[in-house]
Amino acid sequence: MDVNTKKLKKNAFRVTKHRGLTASRIRVPGGYLEAKYLAMIQNIAETYGNGIVNITTRQGFEIPGIKFEDTAKVNELLQPIIVGLNINQEIAGQGYTASGTRNVTACVGNNICPYACYNTSAFAQRIEKAIFPNDLHFKVALTGCPNDCAKVRMHDFGIMGMTLPHYDTDRCVSCRACVKACTRKSVSALDTVNFKVVRDTKKCIGCGECVLNCPTGAWARSHEKYFRLTIFGRTGKKNPRLGEDFIKWADEASIIKIICNTYAYVKNYIDPSAPGGKEHIGYIVDRTGFEEFKKWALKDVHLPARAEVCTPIYWKGVTY
């Protein structure tokens, strides 16, 4: 069978090691879905695949063993999943129309975890609506707090939840539980002066340990949601490195705008001769200079007054 593999991959099917067989990749933004969709995925795997479903490292599903000639039928069965997960689609019934932007991943967030500062799944789904479909190779990950269970510093954009803790001195009984927790589990940003707690605002990372450990409710999370945005971490065989802080105390709207601006930046500067038409954003920034990237990224972005932009940024990592 004569197969256009470029078209196949753009339709979110993988070219596998088995001749004549492909694998369907299913997007699950934020790793969050209703259980009813699992039965639909099972049906596709048993009807057109080999009965196996792989859970990918990016929290999606991959169904292997699909014959090339069955991809159209698989796309029809994927339609209720795509609609149910509210994923942008250009033509109904024809599956995914791009595979470049990888599935947006997230930890469980404050739907479940007491440490999380925000609803990671909801934010992941908002980012998905803004950036998909797209053929550029971007990786975005969200984590609810600085514990970073989602390993966001290994992605192009890492979004880490922060809270601005509010302190009610009238509720404080000087037990130092918050100070002990911050010292033992965080960055030692708290101390006591005249039997009241003082927070080092420059040192505080907004983790919320003080809130979780105060027995009297003297500490409370801020109503406003804040984020630490890290940029251009990467793995792979060539020059892996961790992402560095770009903005601290950022807001949700600014982060989405920065990510969208980066798509425009990459389209303008990407090397068309890169293998497979893919060039990691970090290499483009290395070539153009960080200040050029920052100019594009912050265009028409209105950051909160509290936000801190880190500049210049230098990445450390393995160099071959």
C-alpha atoms as a PDB file:
ATOM      1  CA  MET A   1       0.000   0.000   0.000  1.00  0.00           C
ATOM      2  CA  ASP A   2       1.356   3.403  -1.025  1.00  0.00           C
ATOM      3  CA  VAL A   3       1.212   5.624   2.086  1.00  0.00           C
ATOM      4  CA  ASN A   4       2.008   9.302   2.434  1.00  0.00           C
ATOM      5  CA  THR A   5       3.839   9.065   5.771  1.00  0.00           C
ATOM      6  CA  LYS A   6       4.059  12.856   6.120  1.00  0.00           C
ATOM      7  CA  LYS A   7       0.271  13.108   5.916  1.00  0.00           C
ATOM      8  CA  LEU A   8      -0.066  10.127   8.252  1.00  0.00           C
ATOM      9  CA  LYS A   9       2.093  11.741  10.943  1.00  0.00           C
ATOM     10  CA  LYS A  10       0.320  15.076  10.595  1.00  0.00           C
ATOM     11  CA  ASN A  11      -2.916  13.176  11.307  1.00  0.00           C
ATOM     12  CA  ALA A  12      -1.354  12.083  14.643  1.00  0.00           C
ATOM     13  CA  PHE A  13      -0.568   8.539  13.543  1.00  0.00           C
ATOM     14  CA  ARG A  14       2.889   7.154  14.226  1.00  0.00           C
ATOM     15  CA  VAL A  15       5.089   5.356  11.688  1.00  0.00           C
ATOM     16  CA  THR A  16       5.950   2.175  13.602  1.00  0.00           C
ATOM     17  CA  LYS A  17       8.648  -0.496  13.204  1.00  0.00           C
ATOM     18  CA  HIS A  18       6.027  -2.945  11.900  1.00  0.00           C
ATOM     19  CA  ARG A  19       5.459  -2.784   8.159  1.00  0.00           C
ATOM     20  CA  GLY A  20       1.915  -1.781   7.219  1.00  0.00           C
ATOM     21  CA  LEU A  21       0.942  -0.908  10.780  1.00  0.00           C
ATOM     22  CA  THR A  22       0.579   2.452  12.501  1.00  0.00           C
ATOM     23  CA  ALA A  23      -0.414   3.755  15.940  1.00  0.00           C
ATOM     24  CA  SER A  24      -3.014   6.379  16.783  1.00  0.00           C
ATOM     25  CA  ARG A  25      -2.001   9.063  19.302  1.00  0.00           C
ATOM     26  CA  ILE A  26      -4.854  10.454  21.394  1.00  0.00           C
ATOM     27  CA  ARG A  27      -4.592  13.876  23.033  1.00  0.00           C
ATOM     28  CA  VAL A  28      -5.709  14.260  26.656  1.00  0.00           C
ATOM     29  CA  PRO A  29      -4.970  17.886  27.682  1.00  0.00           C
ATOM     30  CA  GLY A  30      -3.868  17.995  31.302  1.00  0.00           C
ATOM     31  CA  GLY A  31      -4.212  14.207  31.566  1.00  0.00           C
ATOM     32  CA  TYR A  32      -7.836  14.729  32.635  1.00  0.00           C
ATOM     33  CA  LEU A  33     -10.802  12.897  31.131  1.00  0.00           C
ATOM     34  CA  GLU A  34     -14.065  11.226  32.105  1.00  0.00           C
ATOM     35  CA  ALA A  35     -13.871   7.460  32.507  1.00  0.00           C
ATOM     36  CA  LYS A  36     -16.477   6.902  29.764  1.00  0.00           C
ATOM     37  CA  TYR A  37     -13.859   7.741  27.129  1.00  0.00           C
ATOM     38  CA  LEU A  38     -11.716   4.808  28.247  1.00  0.00           C
ATOM     39  CA  ALA A  39     -14.357   2.436  26.887  1.00  0.00           C
ATOM     40  CA  MET A  40     -14.191   4.211  23.506  1.00  0.00           C
ATOM     41  CA  ILE A  41     -10.410   3.878  23.462  1.00  0.00           C
ATOM     42  CA  GLN A  42     -10.751   0.197  24.365  1.00  0.00           C
ATOM     43  CA  ASN A  43     -13.164  -0.307  21.475  1.00  0.00           C
ATOM     44  CA  ILE A  44     -10.717   1.214  18.963  1.00  0.00           C
ATOM     45  CA  ALA A  45      -7.849  -0.893  20.309  1.00  0.00           C
ATOM     46  CA  GLU A  46      -9.807  -4.133  20.113  1.00  0.00           C
ATOM     47  CA  THR A  47     -11.536  -3.404  16.801  1.00  0.00           C
ATOM     48  CA  TYR A  48      -8.701  -1.939  14.728  1.00  0.00           C
ATOM     49  CA  GLY A  49      -5.560  -2.259  16.875  1.00  0.00           C
ATOM     50  CA  ASN A  50      -3.855  -5.211  18.489  1.00  0.00           C
ATOM     51  CA  GLY A  51      -5.751  -4.911  21.765  1.00  0.00           C
ATOM     52  CA  ILE A  52      -3.011  -2.913  23.479  1.00  0.00           C
ATOM     53  CA  VAL A  53      -3.185   0.688  24.732  1.00  0.00           C
ATOM     54  CA  ASN A  54       0.007   2.497  25.703  1.00  0.00           C
ATOM     55  CA  ILE A  55      -0.110   5.365  28.185  1.00  0.00           C
ATOM     56  CA  THR A  56       2.406   7.853  26.824  1.00  0.00           C
ATOM     57  CA  THR A  57       4.914   9.886  28.785  1.00  0.00           C
ATOM     58  CA  ARG A  58       2.828  12.948  27.903  1.00  0.00           C
ATOM     59  CA  GLN A  59      -0.368  11.595  29.515  1.00  0.00           C
ATOM     60  CA  GLY A  60      -2.040  10.688  26.260  1.00  0.00           C
ATOM     61  CA  PHE A  61      -2.914   7.279  24.815  1.00  0.00           C
ATOM     62  CA  GLU A  62      -1.370   5.428  21.899  1.00  0.00           C
ATOM     63  CA  ILE A  63      -3.147   2.567  20.156  1.00  0.00           C
ATOM     64  CA  PRO A  64      -0.701   0.401  18.142  1.00  0.00           C
ATOM     65  CA  GLY A  65      -1.327  -2.299  15.560  1.00  0.00           C
ATOM     66  CA  ILE A  66      -3.649  -0.297  13.294  1.00  0.00           C
ATOM     67  CA  LYS A  67      -3.531  -1.077   9.578  1.00  0.00           C
ATOM     68  CA  PHE A  68      -2.830   1.876   7.313  1.00  0.00           C
ATOM     69  CA  GLU A  69      -6.086   1.306   5.434  1.00  0.00           C
ATOM     70  CA  ASP A  70      -8.090   1.543   8.671  1.00  0.00           C
ATOM     71  CA  THR A  71      -6.965   5.021   9.729  1.00  0.00           C
ATOM     72  CA  ALA A  72     -10.102   6.704   8.338  1.00  0.00           C
ATOM     73  CA  LYS A  73     -12.321   4.337  10.340  1.00  0.00           C
ATOM     74  CA  VAL A  74     -10.263   5.009  13.466  1.00  0.00           C
ATOM     75  CA  ASN A  75     -10.660   8.761  12.937  1.00  0.00           C
ATOM     76  CA  GLU A  76     -14.448   8.319  12.873  1.00  0.00           C
ATOM     77  CA  LEU A  77     -14.325   6.497  16.219  1.00  0.00           C
ATOM     78  CA  LEU A  78     -12.029   9.184  17.649  1.00  0.00           C
ATOM     79  CA  GLN A  79     -14.561  11.915  16.878  1.00  0.00           C
ATOM     80  CA  PRO A  80     -16.632  11.680  20.105  1.00  0.00           C
ATOM     81  CA  ILE A  81     -13.410  11.661  22.140  1.00  0.00           C
ATOM     82  CA  ILE A  82     -12.107  14.760  20.359  1.00  0.00           C
ATOM     83  CA  VAL A  83     -15.420  16.550  20.794  1.00  0.00           C
ATOM     84  CA  GLY A  84     -15.820  15.431  24.393  1.00  0.00           C
ATOM     85  CA  LEU A  85     -12.366  16.704  25.351  1.00  0.00           C
ATOM     86  CA  ASN A  86     -13.131  19.992  23.553  1.00  0.00           C
ATOM     87  CA  ILE A  87     -10.104  19.816  21.255  1.00  0.00           C
ATOM     88  CA  ASN A  88      -9.940  22.174  18.288  1.00  0.00           C
ATOM     89  CA  GLN A  89     -10.540  20.403  14.997  1.00  0.00           C
ATOM     90  CA  GLU A  90     -10.474  21.692  11.445  1.00  0.00           C
ATOM     91  CA  ILE A  91     -12.641  19.005   9.812  1.00  0.00           C
ATOM     92  CA  ALA A  92     -15.002  16.836  11.843  1.00  0.00           C
ATOM     93  CA  GLY A  93     -14.499  13.096  11.481  1.00  0.00           C
ATOM     94  CA  GLN A  94     -10.941  13.343  10.164  1.00  0.00           C
ATOM     95  CA  GLY A  95      -9.127  13.053  13.471  1.00  0.00           C
ATOM     96  CA  TYR A  96      -6.372  15.404  14.584  1.00  0.00           C
ATOM     97  CA  THR A  97      -5.112  17.884  12.011  1.00  0.00           C
ATOM     98  CA  ALA A  98      -1.622  18.382  13.500  1.00  0.00           C
ATOM     99  CA  SER A  99       0.862  16.516  15.646  1.00  0.00           C
ATOM    100  CA  GLY A 100       3.608  19.070  16.241  1.00  0.00           C
ATOM    101  CA  THR A 101       2.472  20.644  19.506  1.00  0.00           C
ATOM    102  CA  ARG A 102       2.673  17.829  22.023  1.00  0.00           C
ATOM    103  CA  ASN A 103      -0.046  16.985  24.514  1.00  0.00           C
ATOM    104  CA  VAL A 104      -0.148  19.585  27.297  1.00  0.00           C
ATOM    105  CA  THR A 105       0.680  17.699  30.506  1.00  0.00           C
ATOM    106  CA  ALA A 106      -0.198  18.496  34.119  1.00  0.00           C
ATOM    107  CA  CYS A 107      -0.077  17.126  37.636  1.00  0.00           C
ATOM    108  CA  VAL A 108      -3.449  16.468  39.324  1.00  0.00           C
ATOM    109  CA  GLY A 109      -3.588  20.016  40.728  1.00  0.00           C
ATOM    110  CA  ASN A 110      -5.884  21.301  43.434  1.00  0.00           C
ATOM    111  CA  ASN A 111      -8.750  19.086  42.317  1.00  0.00           C
ATOM    112  CA  ILE A 112      -7.013  16.458  44.466  1.00  0.00           C
ATOM    113  CA  CYS A 113      -3.690  17.582  45.911  1.00  0.00           C
ATOM    114  CA  PRO A 114      -3.575  19.802  49.036  1.00  0.00           C
ATOM    115  CA  TYR A 115      -0.205  21.247  47.991  1.00  0.00           C
ATOM    116  CA  ALA A 116      -1.412  22.534  44.613  1.00  0.00           C
ATOM    117  CA  CYS A 117      -2.027  26.263  44.249  1.00  0.00           C
ATOM    118  CA  TYR A 118      -4.394  26.084  41.251  1.00  0.00           C
ATOM    119  CA  ASN A 119      -6.495  23.884  38.970  1.00  0.00           C
ATOM    120  CA  THR A 120      -3.834  22.544  36.617  1.00  0.00           C
ATOM    121  CA  SER A 121      -6.247  20.601  34.395  1.00  0.00           C
ATOM    122  CA  ALA A 122      -8.437  23.637  33.718  1.00  0.00           C
ATOM    123  CA  PHE A 123      -5.426  25.806  32.842  1.00  0.00           C
ATOM    124  CA  ALA A 124      -3.977  23.045  30.632  1.00  0.00           C
ATOM    125  CA  GLN A 125      -7.249  22.893  28.713  1.00  0.00           C
ATOM    126  CA  ARG A 126      -7.245  26.677  28.209  1.00  0.00           C
ATOM    127  CA  ILE A 127      -3.700  26.493  26.849  1.00  0.00           C
ATOM    128  CA  GLU A 128      -4.737  23.622  24.565  1.00  0.00           C
ATOM    129  CA  LYS A 129      -7.510  25.751  23.075  1.00  0.00           C
ATOM    130  CA  ALA A 130      -5.026  28.558  22.379  1.00  0.00           C
ATOM    131  CA  ILE A 131      -2.223  26.535  20.768  1.00  0.00           C
ATOM    132  CA  PHE A 132      -3.683  23.461  19.033  1.00  0.00           C
ATOM    133  CA  PRO A 133      -3.652  22.514  16.196  1.00  0.00           C
ATOM    134  CA  ASN A 134      -0.117  23.527  15.233  1.00  0.00           C
ATOM    135  CA  ASP A 135       2.739  21.742  13.477  1.00  0.00           C
ATOM    136  CA  LEU A 136       5.510  23.325  15.557  1.00  0.00           C
ATOM    137  CA  HIS A 137       7.191  21.081  18.104  1.00  0.00           C
ATOM    138  CA  PHE A 138       6.295  22.687  21.453  1.00  0.00           C
ATOM    139  CA  LYS A 139       6.107  21.009  24.846  1.00  0.00           C
ATOM    140  CA  VAL A 140       4.117  22.585  27.685  1.00  0.00           C
ATOM    141  CA  ALA A 141       3.736  21.210  31.217  1.00  0.00           C
ATOM    142  CA  LEU A 142       1.963  22.457  34.341  1.00  0.00           C
ATOM    143  CA  THR A 143       2.539  21.687  37.995  1.00  0.00           C
ATOM    144  CA  GLY A 144       0.484  22.864  40.942  1.00  0.00           C
ATOM    145  CA  CYS A 145       3.314  23.926  43.251  1.00  0.00           C
ATOM    146  CA  PRO A 146       7.114  24.142  43.529  1.00  0.00           C
ATOM    147  CA  ASN A 147       7.280  20.432  44.414  1.00  0.00           C
ATOM    148  CA  ASP A 148       7.181  20.120  40.593  1.00  0.00           C
ATOM    149  CA  CYS A 149       5.786  16.593  40.363  1.00  0.00           C
ATOM    150  CA  ALA A 150       5.267  17.194  36.621  1.00  0.00           C
ATOM    151  CA  LYS A 151       8.981  17.972  36.022  1.00  0.00           C
ATOM    152  CA  VAL A 152       8.090  21.177  34.188  1.00  0.00           C
ATOM    153  CA  ARG A 153      11.699  22.357  33.948  1.00  0.00           C
ATOM    154  CA  MET A 154      12.258  19.676  31.307  1.00  0.00           C
ATOM    155  CA  HIS A 155       9.833  21.372  28.890  1.00  0.00           C
ATOM    156  CA  ASP A 156       9.763  24.355  26.555  1.00  0.00           C
ATOM    157  CA  PHE A 157       7.295  26.052  28.879  1.00  0.00           C
ATOM    158  CA  GLY A 158       6.983  25.017  32.503  1.00  0.00           C
ATOM    159  CA  ILE A 159       4.164  26.554  34.552  1.00  0.00           C
ATOM    160  CA  MET A 160       4.551  26.239  38.314  1.00  0.00           C
ATOM    161  CA  GLY A 161       1.810  27.305  40.715  1.00  0.00           C
ATOM    162  CA  MET A 162       2.538  29.962  43.341  1.00  0.00           C
ATOM    163  CA  THR A 163       0.483  31.567  46.078  1.00  0.00           C
ATOM    164  CA  LEU A 164       1.031  34.884  47.817  1.00  0.00           C
ATOM    165  CA  PRO A 165       0.470  33.907  51.474  1.00  0.00           C
ATOM    166  CA  HIS A 166      -1.556  36.331  53.586  1.00  0.00           C
ATOM    167  CA  TYR A 167      -0.735  36.574  57.306  1.00  0.00           C
ATOM    168  CA  ASP A 168      -3.283  37.435  60.001  1.00  0.00           C
ATOM    169  CA  THR A 169      -1.333  38.448  63.102  1.00  0.00           C
ATOM    170  CA  ASP A 170      -4.448  38.251  65.282  1.00  0.00           C
ATOM    171  CA  ARG A 171      -4.747  34.526  64.609  1.00  0.00           C
ATOM    172  CA  CYS A 172      -1.047  33.802  65.173  1.00  0.00           C
ATOM    173  CA  VAL A 173      -0.138  32.144  68.524  1.00  0.00           C
ATOM    174  CA  SER A 174       3.629  32.168  67.870  1.00  0.00           C
ATOM    175  CA  CYS A 175       3.848  28.376  67.682  1.00  0.00           C
ATOM    176  CA  ARG A 176       6.411  28.620  64.851  1.00  0.00           C
ATOM    177  CA  ALA A 177       4.842  25.685  62.999  1.00  0.00           C
ATOM    178  CA  CYS A 178       5.012  27.670  59.758  1.00  0.00           C
ATOM    179  CA  VAL A 179       8.647  28.649  60.367  1.00  0.00           C
ATOM    180  CA  LYS A 180       9.616  25.036  61.032  1.00  0.00           C
ATOM    181  CA  ALA A 181       7.790  23.805  57.921  1.00  0.00           C
ATOM    182  CA  CYS A 182       9.352  26.475  55.708  1.00  0.00           C
ATOM    183  CA  THR A 183      12.817  25.636  57.070  1.00  0.00           C
ATOM    184  CA  ARG A 184      12.419  21.874  56.795  1.00  0.00           C
ATOM    185  CA  LYS A 185      10.428  21.585  53.562  1.00  0.00           C
ATOM    186  CA  SER A 186      11.019  24.807  51.633  1.00  0.00           C
ATOM    187  CA  VAL A 187      13.480  27.717  51.461  1.00  0.00           C
ATOM    188  CA  SER A 188      13.600  29.192  55.006  1.00  0.00           C
ATOM    189  CA  ALA A 189      11.750  32.365  54.037  1.00  0.00           C
ATOM    190  CA  LEU A 190      10.092  32.764  57.463  1.00  0.00           C
ATOM    191  CA  ASP A 191      11.399  33.873  60.838  1.00  0.00           C
ATOM    192  CA  THR A 192       9.947  35.332  64.035  1.00  0.00           C
ATOM    193  CA  VAL A 193      10.488  38.859  65.334  1.00  0.00           C
ATOM    194  CA  ASN A 194       8.843  39.914  68.624  1.00  0.00           C
ATOM    195  CA  PHE A 195       6.767  36.713  68.617  1.00  0.00           C
ATOM    196  CA  LYS A 196       5.305  37.385  65.159  1.00  0.00           C
ATOM    197  CA  VAL A 197       6.271  35.836  61.856  1.00  0.00           C
ATOM    198  CA  VAL A 198       8.154  37.824  59.209  1.00  0.00           C
ATOM    199  CA  ARG A 199       8.270  36.645  55.595  1.00  0.00           C
ATOM    200  CA  ASP A 200      11.293  37.373  53.388  1.00  0.00           C
ATOM    201  CA  THR A 201       9.473  38.459  50.231  1.00  0.00           C
ATOM    202  CA  LYS A 202      12.557  38.068  48.039  1.00  0.00           C
ATOM    203  CA  LYS A 203      13.200  34.532  49.235  1.00  0.00           C
ATOM    204  CA  CYS A 204       9.606  33.253  49.310  1.00  0.00           C
ATOM    205  CA  ILE A 205       8.741  30.943  46.408  1.00  0.00           C
ATOM    206  CA  GLY A 206       4.994  30.924  47.045  1.00  0.00           C
ATOM    207  CA  CYS A 207       4.783  27.214  47.860  1.00  0.00           C
ATOM    208  CA  GLY A 208       2.077  27.515  50.526  1.00  0.00           C
ATOM    209  CA  GLU A 209       3.759  25.329  53.148  1.00  0.00           C
ATOM    210  CA  CYS A 210       3.001  28.013  55.747  1.00  0.00           C
ATOM    211  CA  VAL A 211      -0.695  27.797  54.892  1.00  0.00           C
ATOM    212  CA  LEU A 212      -0.768  24.017  55.098  1.00  0.00           C
ATOM    213  CA  ASN A 213       1.054  23.817  58.426  1.00  0.00           C
ATOM    214  CA  CYS A 214      -0.542  26.660  60.415  1.00  0.00           C
ATOM    215  CA  PRO A 215      -2.888  25.166  63.063  1.00  0.00           C
ATOM    216  CA  THR A 216      -4.823  28.392  63.621  1.00  0.00           C
ATOM    217  CA  GLY A 217      -5.412  29.590  60.056  1.00  0.00           C
ATOM    218  CA  ALA A 218      -3.161  32.616  60.453  1.00  0.00           C
ATOM    219  CA  TRP A 219      -1.840  31.979  56.938  1.00  0.00           C
ATOM    220  CA  ALA A 220      -4.157  31.873  53.893  1.00  0.00           C
ATOM    221  CA  ARG A 221      -3.640  31.476  50.151  1.00  0.00           C
ATOM    222  CA  SER A 222      -4.147  34.515  47.941  1.00  0.00           C
ATOM    223  CA  HIS A 223      -7.342  34.704  45.901  1.00  0.00           C
ATOM    224  CA  GLU A 224      -5.214  35.736  42.910  1.00  0.00           C
ATOM    225  CA  LYS A 225      -3.474  32.897  41.078  1.00  0.00           C
ATOM    226  CA  TYR A 226       0.208  33.375  40.373  1.00  0.00           C
ATOM    227  CA  PHE A 227       2.712  31.330  38.405  1.00  0.00           C
ATOM    228  CA  ARG A 228       6.423  30.841  37.850  1.00  0.00           C
ATOM    229  CA  LEU A 229       7.120  30.452  34.129  1.00  0.00           C
ATOM    230  CA  THR A 230      10.233  28.491  33.206  1.00  0.00           C
ATOM    231  CA  ILE A 231      11.443  28.262  29.635  1.00  0.00           C
ATOM    232  CA  PHE A 232      13.307  26.008  27.232  1.00  0.00           C
ATOM    233  CA  GLY A 233      14.274  22.978  29.216  1.00  0.00           C
ATOM    234  CA  ARG A 234      14.939  19.988  27.004  1.00  0.00           C
ATOM    235  CA  THR A 235      15.968  16.358  27.041  1.00  0.00           C
ATOM    236  CA  GLY A 236      17.203  14.293  24.108  1.00  0.00           C
ATOM    237  CA  LYS A 237      20.582  13.176  22.866  1.00  0.00           C
ATOM    238  CA  LYS A 238      21.957  16.632  22.095  1.00  0.00           C
ATOM    239  CA  ASN A 239      22.720  19.146  24.853  1.00  0.00           C
ATOM    240  CA  PRO A 240      20.008  18.408  27.442  1.00  0.00           C
ATOM    241  CA  ARG A 241      19.380  21.114  30.015  1.00  0.00           C
ATOM    242  CA  LEU A 242      16.847  22.309  32.591  1.00  0.00           C
ATOM    243  CA  GLY A 243      14.540  25.244  31.955  1.00  0.00           C
ATOM    244  CA  GLU A 244      15.355  28.527  33.672  1.00  0.00           C
ATOM    245  CA  ASP A 245      13.010  30.991  35.380  1.00  0.00           C
ATOM    246  CA  PHE A 246      11.659  33.614  32.984  1.00  0.00           C
ATOM    247  CA  ILE A 247       8.887  35.276  35.001  1.00  0.00           C
ATOM    248  CA  LYS A 248       7.913  34.950  38.653  1.00  0.00           C
ATOM    249  CA  TRP A 249       4.454  35.969  39.903  1.00  0.00           C
ATOM    250  CA  ALA A 250       3.010  35.880  36.381  1.00  0.00           C
ATOM    251  CA  ASP A 251      -0.709  35.623  35.655  1.00  0.00           C
ATOM    252  CA  GLU A 252      -2.617  33.166  33.479  1.00  0.00           C
ATOM    253  CA  ALA A 253      -3.474  35.511  30.597  1.00  0.00           C
ATOM    254  CA  SER A 254       0.128  36.690  30.248  1.00  0.00           C
ATOM    255  CA  ILE A 255       1.454  33.126  30.086  1.00  0.00           C
ATOM    256  CA  ILE A 256      -0.953  32.142  27.312  1.00  0.00           C
ATOM    257  CA  LYS A 257      -0.037  35.298  25.366  1.00  0.00           C
ATOM    258  CA  ILE A 258       3.704  34.608  25.792  1.00  0.00           C
ATOM    259  CA  ILE A 259       3.310  31.057  24.485  1.00  0.00           C
ATOM    260  CA  CYS A 260       1.313  32.259  21.471  1.00  0.00           C
ATOM    261  CA  ASN A 261       3.899  34.995  20.806  1.00  0.00           C
ATOM    262  CA  THR A 262       6.619  32.343  20.839  1.00  0.00           C
ATOM    263  CA  TYR A 263       4.881  30.487  18.003  1.00  0.00           C
ATOM    264  CA  ALA A 264       5.185  33.654  15.920  1.00  0.00           C
ATOM    265  CA  TYR A 265       8.845  34.025  16.927  1.00  0.00           C
ATOM    266  CA  VAL A 266       9.664  30.435  15.942  1.00  0.00           C
ATOM    267  CA  LYS A 267       7.844  30.697  12.612  1.00  0.00           C
ATOM    268  CA  ASN A 268       9.950  33.758  11.841  1.00  0.00           C
ATOM    269  CA  TYR A 269      13.326  32.293  12.818  1.00  0.00           C
ATOM    270  CA  ILE A 270      13.128  28.497  12.480  1.00  0.00           C
ATOM    271  CA  ASP A 271      15.756  26.844  10.292  1.00  0.00           C
ATOM    272  CA  PRO A 272      13.803  25.297   7.371  1.00  0.00           C
ATOM    273  CA  SER A 273      16.628  22.809   6.790  1.00  0.00           C
ATOM    274  CA  ALA A 274      16.328  21.317  10.303  1.00  0.00           C
ATOM    275  CA  PRO A 275      15.712  17.529  10.292  1.00  0.00           C
ATOM    276  CA  GLY A 276      12.018  16.809   9.888  1.00  0.00           C
ATOM    277  CA  GLY A 277      11.327  20.544   9.842  1.00  0.00           C
ATOM    278  CA  LYS A 278      11.814  20.585  13.620  1.00  0.00           C
ATOM    279  CA  GLU A 279      14.206  22.803  15.541  1.00  0.00           C
ATOM    280  CA  HIS A 280      14.028  23.056  19.290  1.00  0.00           C
ATOM    281  CA  ILE A 281      13.152  26.567  20.456  1.00  0.00           C
ATOM    282  CA  GLY A 282      16.226  26.686  22.681  1.00  0.00           C
ATOM    283  CA  TYR A 283      18.538  26.389  19.690  1.00  0.00           C
ATOM    284  CA  ILE A 284      16.703  29.209  17.944  1.00  0.00           C
ATOM    285  CA  VAL A 285      17.125  31.403  21.030  1.00  0.00           C
ATOM    286  CA  ASP A 286      20.822  30.488  21.154  1.00  0.00           C
ATOM    287  CA  ARG A 287      21.108  31.645  17.548  1.00  0.00           C
ATOM    288  CA  THR A 288      19.091  34.877  17.750  1.00  0.00           C
ATOM    289  CA  GLY A 289      20.009  35.842  21.301  1.00  0.00           C
ATOM    290  CA  PHE A 290      17.779  35.894  24.353  1.00  0.00           C
ATOM    291  CA  GLU A 291      16.916  39.604  24.073  1.00  0.00           C
ATOM    292  CA  GLU A 292      15.437  39.051  20.610  1.00  0.00           C
ATOM    293  CA  PHE A 293      13.272  36.234  21.945  1.00  0.00           C
ATOM    294  CA  LYS A 294      12.178  38.386  24.904  1.00  0.00           C
ATOM    295  CA  LYS A 295      11.138  41.188  22.545  1.00  0.00           C
ATOM    296  CA  TRP A 296       8.821  38.821  20.677  1.00  0.00           C
ATOM    297  CA  ALA A 297       7.599  36.967  23.783  1.00  0.00           C
ATOM    298  CA  LEU A 298       6.538  40.056  25.719  1.00  0.00           C
ATOM    299  CA  LYS A 299       4.857  41.860  22.828  1.00  0.00           C
ATOM    300  CA  ASP A 300       1.447  43.172  23.996  1.00  0.00           C
ATOM    301  CA  VAL A 301       1.793  41.284  27.287  1.00  0.00           C
ATOM    302  CA  HIS A 302       0.444  43.088  30.353  1.00  0.00           C
ATOM    303  CA  LEU A 303       2.055  41.515  33.402  1.00  0.00           C
ATOM    304  CA  PRO A 304       0.818  42.062  36.964  1.00  0.00           C
ATOM    305  CA  ALA A 305       2.639  44.763  38.915  1.00  0.00           C
ATOM    306  CA  ARG A 306       4.087  42.051  41.150  1.00  0.00           C
ATOM    307  CA  ALA A 307       5.647  40.123  38.249  1.00  0.00           C
ATOM    308  CA  GLU A 308       9.435  39.787  38.067  1.00  0.00           C
ATOM    309  CA  VAL A 309      11.044  39.228  34.664  1.00  0.00           C
ATOM    310  CA  CYS A 310      14.388  37.450  34.824  1.00  0.00           C
ATOM    311  CA  THR A 311      16.893  38.850  32.357  1.00  0.00           C
ATOM    312  CA  PRO A 312      19.309  37.983  30.933  1.00  0.00           C
ATOM    313  CA  ILE A 313      18.956  34.193  31.095  1.00  0.00           C
ATOM    314  CA  TYR A 314      21.821  31.742  30.670  1.00  0.00           C
ATOM    315  CA  TRP A 315      21.161  28.019  30.390  1.00  0.00           C
ATOM    316  CA  LYS A 316      23.401  25.433  31.947  1.00  0.00           C
ATOM    317  CA  GLY A 317      23.569  21.808  30.882  1.00  0.00           C
ATOM    318  CA  VAL A 318      25.488  19.074  29.140  1.00  0.00           C
ATOM    319  CA  THR A 319      27.431  20.241  26.097  1.00  0.00           C
ATOM    320  CA  TYR A 320      28.711  17.839  23.448  1.00  0.00           C
END
